[in-house]
Structure formats: C-alpha cells, structure tokens
Amino acid sequence: MTLDNLMQAEKRTVGVKQTEKAVAKGNALEVYIAKDADERVTEKLAELCEEKAVKLVEVETMHELGRACGIHVKAAAAAILNP
C-alpha cells in the first residue's frame, strides 16, 4: 500500500499549506494528495510538485490520508520530509 511510507516517516507535514511550504523549500521527498479533495485547494500544490520534481502520490480519500497521518480528521495533502 502506498501509504505505508507515509505512516512510517519520521518527519511529515499534514495539510495543504504546510505541505506547499515544505515543497517550496525543497524539504519534501514525496507528496500525497487525496483524490476527493477540492481541486481548487490542491491544484497549486500539484503544480508546485511538478515544478520542483517531487513525486506525487494520489490517495483515494481525505479520510484515508488523515488516518495514515495519525490524525482523526480528514487531510487533503501530506508529505514525507527529509530526515
């Protein structure tokens, strides 16, 4: 399952804004975006990942992504950070 890496990551971000900041600074190794998230919210992040050549992984639901991050709420995006 693709979320195993995220669940086992020592350092990660949760949320679109924090993930965008990490990608912009070059700290993100892999970014996860939920397919059911509002595209207007995640579009800029997806473009930034392409621009910075950061691997982008699509996850089925925001609920699934939140659970993988160890939180009890939905998450539109998350990232694994450089250790």
N, C-alpha and C. Protein backbone atom coordinates (compact mmCIF):
# COMPACT_ATOMS: atom_id res chain seq x y z
N MET A 1 0.84 -1.19 0.00
CA MET A 1 0.00 0.00 0.00
C MET A 1 0.88 1.26 0.00
N THR A 2 0.50 2.23 -0.76
CA THR A 2 1.32 3.43 -0.92
C THR A 2 1.44 4.26 0.36
N LEU A 3 0.52 4.11 1.28
CA LEU A 3 0.55 4.94 2.48
C LEU A 3 1.52 4.43 3.55
N ASP A 4 2.07 3.23 3.36
CA ASP A 4 3.00 2.68 4.34
C ASP A 4 4.19 3.60 4.57
N ASN A 5 4.76 4.14 3.50
CA ASN A 5 5.90 5.05 3.63
C ASN A 5 5.54 6.26 4.46
N LEU A 6 4.35 6.81 4.23
CA LEU A 6 3.91 7.99 4.97
C LEU A 6 3.71 7.67 6.44
N MET A 7 3.11 6.52 6.73
CA MET A 7 2.85 6.13 8.12
C MET A 7 4.16 5.92 8.88
N GLN A 8 5.19 5.44 8.19
CA GLN A 8 6.46 5.12 8.86
C GLN A 8 7.45 6.28 8.84
N ALA A 9 7.10 7.37 8.19
CA ALA A 9 8.03 8.50 8.06
C ALA A 9 8.30 9.15 9.42
N GLU A 10 9.57 9.48 9.64
CA GLU A 10 9.95 10.16 10.88
C GLU A 10 9.42 11.59 10.90
N LYS A 11 9.53 12.26 9.75
CA LYS A 11 9.09 13.65 9.65
C LYS A 11 8.10 13.77 8.50
N ARG A 12 6.99 14.47 8.75
CA ARG A 12 5.99 14.67 7.70
C ARG A 12 5.22 15.94 7.96
N THR A 13 4.54 16.40 6.92
CA THR A 13 3.63 17.52 7.07
C THR A 13 2.22 17.00 6.82
N VAL A 14 1.25 17.70 7.39
CA VAL A 14 -0.15 17.37 7.14
C VAL A 14 -0.86 18.68 6.82
N GLY A 15 -1.59 18.68 5.73
CA GLY A 15 -2.32 19.89 5.33
C GLY A 15 -1.67 20.52 4.11
N VAL A 16 -2.51 21.18 3.32
CA VAL A 16 -2.05 21.76 2.05
C VAL A 16 -1.02 22.87 2.27
N LYS A 17 -1.29 23.79 3.17
CA LYS A 17 -0.38 24.93 3.36
C LYS A 17 0.99 24.50 3.85
N GLN A 18 1.03 23.62 4.85
CA GLN A 18 2.31 23.16 5.38
C GLN A 18 3.07 22.36 4.33
N THR A 19 2.34 21.57 3.54
CA THR A 19 2.97 20.77 2.50
C THR A 19 3.52 21.65 1.39
N GLU A 20 2.76 22.68 1.01
CA GLU A 20 3.25 23.63 -0.01
C GLU A 20 4.55 24.28 0.45
N LYS A 21 4.61 24.70 1.71
CA LYS A 21 5.81 25.33 2.24
C LYS A 21 7.01 24.38 2.16
N ALA A 22 6.78 23.11 2.52
CA ALA A 22 7.86 22.12 2.50
C ALA A 22 8.36 21.88 1.08
N VAL A 23 7.45 21.80 0.12
CA VAL A 23 7.84 21.59 -1.27
C VAL A 23 8.62 22.80 -1.79
N ALA A 24 8.12 23.99 -1.48
CA ALA A 24 8.77 25.23 -1.94
C ALA A 24 10.19 25.35 -1.39
N LYS A 25 10.41 24.89 -0.15
CA LYS A 25 11.73 24.96 0.47
C LYS A 25 12.64 23.81 0.06
N GLY A 26 12.08 22.83 -0.67
CA GLY A 26 12.87 21.68 -1.10
C GLY A 26 13.02 20.62 -0.03
N ASN A 27 12.13 20.61 0.97
CA ASN A 27 12.22 19.65 2.07
C ASN A 27 11.36 18.40 1.87
N ALA A 28 10.48 18.39 0.88
CA ALA A 28 9.56 17.27 0.69
C ALA A 28 10.16 16.21 -0.23
N LEU A 29 10.08 14.96 0.19
CA LEU A 29 10.56 13.84 -0.62
C LEU A 29 9.43 13.28 -1.48
N GLU A 30 8.23 13.21 -0.88
CA GLU A 30 7.08 12.61 -1.54
C GLU A 30 5.82 13.30 -1.02
N VAL A 31 4.92 13.65 -1.93
CA VAL A 31 3.69 14.36 -1.55
C VAL A 31 2.48 13.49 -1.85
N TYR A 32 1.53 13.50 -0.93
CA TYR A 32 0.29 12.74 -1.07
C TYR A 32 -0.88 13.70 -1.15
N ILE A 33 -1.74 13.51 -2.14
CA ILE A 33 -2.94 14.35 -2.28
C ILE A 33 -4.14 13.42 -2.39
N ALA A 34 -5.21 13.75 -1.65
CA ALA A 34 -6.44 12.95 -1.70
C ALA A 34 -7.23 13.29 -2.96
N LYS A 35 -7.70 12.25 -3.65
CA LYS A 35 -8.46 12.44 -4.88
C LYS A 35 -9.79 13.16 -4.65
N ASP A 36 -10.36 12.98 -3.45
CA ASP A 36 -11.66 13.61 -3.19
C ASP A 36 -11.54 15.01 -2.59
N ALA A 37 -10.33 15.53 -2.50
CA ALA A 37 -10.12 16.90 -2.03
C ALA A 37 -10.52 17.88 -3.13
N ASP A 38 -10.94 19.07 -2.73
CA ASP A 38 -11.33 20.10 -3.69
C ASP A 38 -10.13 20.47 -4.55
N GLU A 39 -10.28 20.35 -5.85
CA GLU A 39 -9.17 20.61 -6.77
C GLU A 39 -8.64 22.03 -6.66
N ARG A 40 -9.51 22.98 -6.34
CA ARG A 40 -9.06 24.37 -6.19
C ARG A 40 -8.08 24.50 -5.03
N VAL A 41 -8.21 23.62 -4.05
CA VAL A 41 -7.33 23.64 -2.88
C VAL A 41 -5.98 22.98 -3.18
N THR A 42 -6.01 21.90 -3.96
CA THR A 42 -4.80 21.11 -4.18
C THR A 42 -4.07 21.42 -5.49
N GLU A 43 -4.70 22.17 -6.37
CA GLU A 43 -4.14 22.43 -7.70
C GLU A 43 -2.76 23.09 -7.63
N LYS A 44 -2.61 24.12 -6.81
CA LYS A 44 -1.33 24.83 -6.69
C LYS A 44 -0.23 23.90 -6.18
N LEU A 45 -0.59 23.05 -5.22
CA LEU A 45 0.38 22.10 -4.66
C LEU A 45 0.83 21.11 -5.73
N ALA A 46 -0.10 20.59 -6.52
CA ALA A 46 0.24 19.64 -7.58
C ALA A 46 1.18 20.29 -8.60
N GLU A 47 0.90 21.53 -8.96
CA GLU A 47 1.76 22.25 -9.91
C GLU A 47 3.15 22.48 -9.33
N LEU A 48 3.20 22.81 -8.05
CA LEU A 48 4.48 23.05 -7.37
C LEU A 48 5.31 21.76 -7.34
N CYS A 49 4.65 20.63 -7.11
CA CYS A 49 5.35 19.34 -7.10
C CYS A 49 5.96 19.05 -8.47
N GLU A 50 5.20 19.34 -9.51
CA GLU A 50 5.70 19.12 -10.87
C GLU A 50 6.89 20.02 -11.15
N GLU A 51 6.77 21.27 -10.74
CA GLU A 51 7.83 22.26 -10.95
C GLU A 51 9.11 21.88 -10.22
N LYS A 52 8.98 21.35 -9.01
CA LYS A 52 10.13 21.01 -8.17
C LYS A 52 10.55 19.55 -8.33
N ALA A 53 9.88 18.81 -9.22
CA ALA A 53 10.17 17.39 -9.48
C ALA A 53 10.05 16.54 -8.21
N VAL A 54 8.97 16.76 -7.47
CA VAL A 54 8.69 15.98 -6.26
C VAL A 54 7.64 14.93 -6.62
N LYS A 55 7.88 13.70 -6.22
CA LYS A 55 6.95 12.61 -6.52
C LYS A 55 5.58 12.89 -5.89
N LEU A 56 4.53 12.75 -6.69
CA LEU A 56 3.16 13.00 -6.24
C LEU A 56 2.39 11.69 -6.24
N VAL A 57 1.78 11.36 -5.09
CA VAL A 57 1.01 10.13 -4.96
C VAL A 57 -0.43 10.50 -4.67
N GLU A 58 -1.36 9.94 -5.44
CA GLU A 58 -2.78 10.20 -5.20
C GLU A 58 -3.33 9.12 -4.28
N VAL A 59 -4.09 9.57 -3.28
CA VAL A 59 -4.73 8.68 -2.32
C VAL A 59 -6.23 8.79 -2.55
N GLU A 60 -6.95 7.71 -2.37
CA GLU A 60 -8.39 7.70 -2.68
C GLU A 60 -9.19 8.75 -1.92
N THR A 61 -9.06 8.77 -0.58
CA THR A 61 -9.91 9.68 0.20
C THR A 61 -9.13 10.51 1.22
N MET A 62 -9.71 11.65 1.58
CA MET A 62 -9.12 12.51 2.60
C MET A 62 -9.13 11.80 3.96
N HIS A 63 -10.16 11.01 4.20
CA HIS A 63 -10.26 10.26 5.46
C HIS A 63 -9.10 9.28 5.59
N GLU A 64 -8.83 8.56 4.51
CA GLU A 64 -7.74 7.58 4.47
C GLU A 64 -6.39 8.27 4.69
N LEU A 65 -6.20 9.43 4.08
CA LEU A 65 -4.94 10.17 4.23
C LEU A 65 -4.77 10.69 5.65
N GLY A 66 -5.84 11.20 6.23
CA GLY A 66 -5.78 11.66 7.62
C GLY A 66 -5.42 10.54 8.57
N ARG A 67 -6.05 9.40 8.37
CA ARG A 67 -5.79 8.23 9.23
C ARG A 67 -4.33 7.79 9.10
N ALA A 68 -3.79 7.82 7.89
CA ALA A 68 -2.38 7.44 7.66
C ALA A 68 -1.42 8.39 8.38
N CYS A 69 -1.86 9.63 8.56
CA CYS A 69 -1.03 10.63 9.25
C CYS A 69 -1.20 10.58 10.76
N GLY A 70 -2.08 9.71 11.22
CA GLY A 70 -2.29 9.56 12.66
C GLY A 70 -3.18 10.63 13.25
N ILE A 71 -4.02 11.26 12.42
CA ILE A 71 -4.95 12.26 12.94
C ILE A 71 -6.38 11.76 12.75
N HIS A 72 -7.31 12.31 13.51
CA HIS A 72 -8.69 11.84 13.49
C HIS A 72 -9.59 12.72 12.64
N VAL A 73 -8.99 13.50 11.77
CA VAL A 73 -9.75 14.34 10.85
C VAL A 73 -9.23 14.09 9.44
N LYS A 74 -9.98 14.57 8.46
CA LYS A 74 -9.58 14.39 7.07
C LYS A 74 -8.39 15.28 6.73
N ALA A 75 -7.60 14.84 5.76
CA ALA A 75 -6.47 15.64 5.29
C ALA A 75 -6.47 15.64 3.76
N ALA A 76 -6.31 16.81 3.17
CA ALA A 76 -6.29 16.91 1.72
C ALA A 76 -4.91 16.59 1.16
N ALA A 77 -3.87 16.88 1.96
CA ALA A 77 -2.49 16.65 1.49
C ALA A 77 -1.56 16.37 2.67
N ALA A 78 -0.47 15.70 2.35
CA ALA A 78 0.57 15.40 3.33
C ALA A 78 1.87 15.16 2.56
N ALA A 79 2.98 15.18 3.28
CA ALA A 79 4.27 14.92 2.63
C ALA A 79 5.23 14.26 3.59
N ILE A 80 6.12 13.47 3.01
CA ILE A 80 7.25 12.91 3.76
C ILE A 80 8.39 13.91 3.58
N LEU A 81 9.01 14.29 4.70
CA LEU A 81 10.08 15.28 4.67
C LEU A 81 11.45 14.63 4.79
N ASN A 82 12.46 15.37 4.33
CA ASN A 82 13.85 14.94 4.52
C ASN A 82 14.09 14.76 6.02
N PRO A 83 14.77 13.69 6.41
CA PRO A 83 15.03 13.48 7.85
C PRO A 83 15.93 14.55 8.44
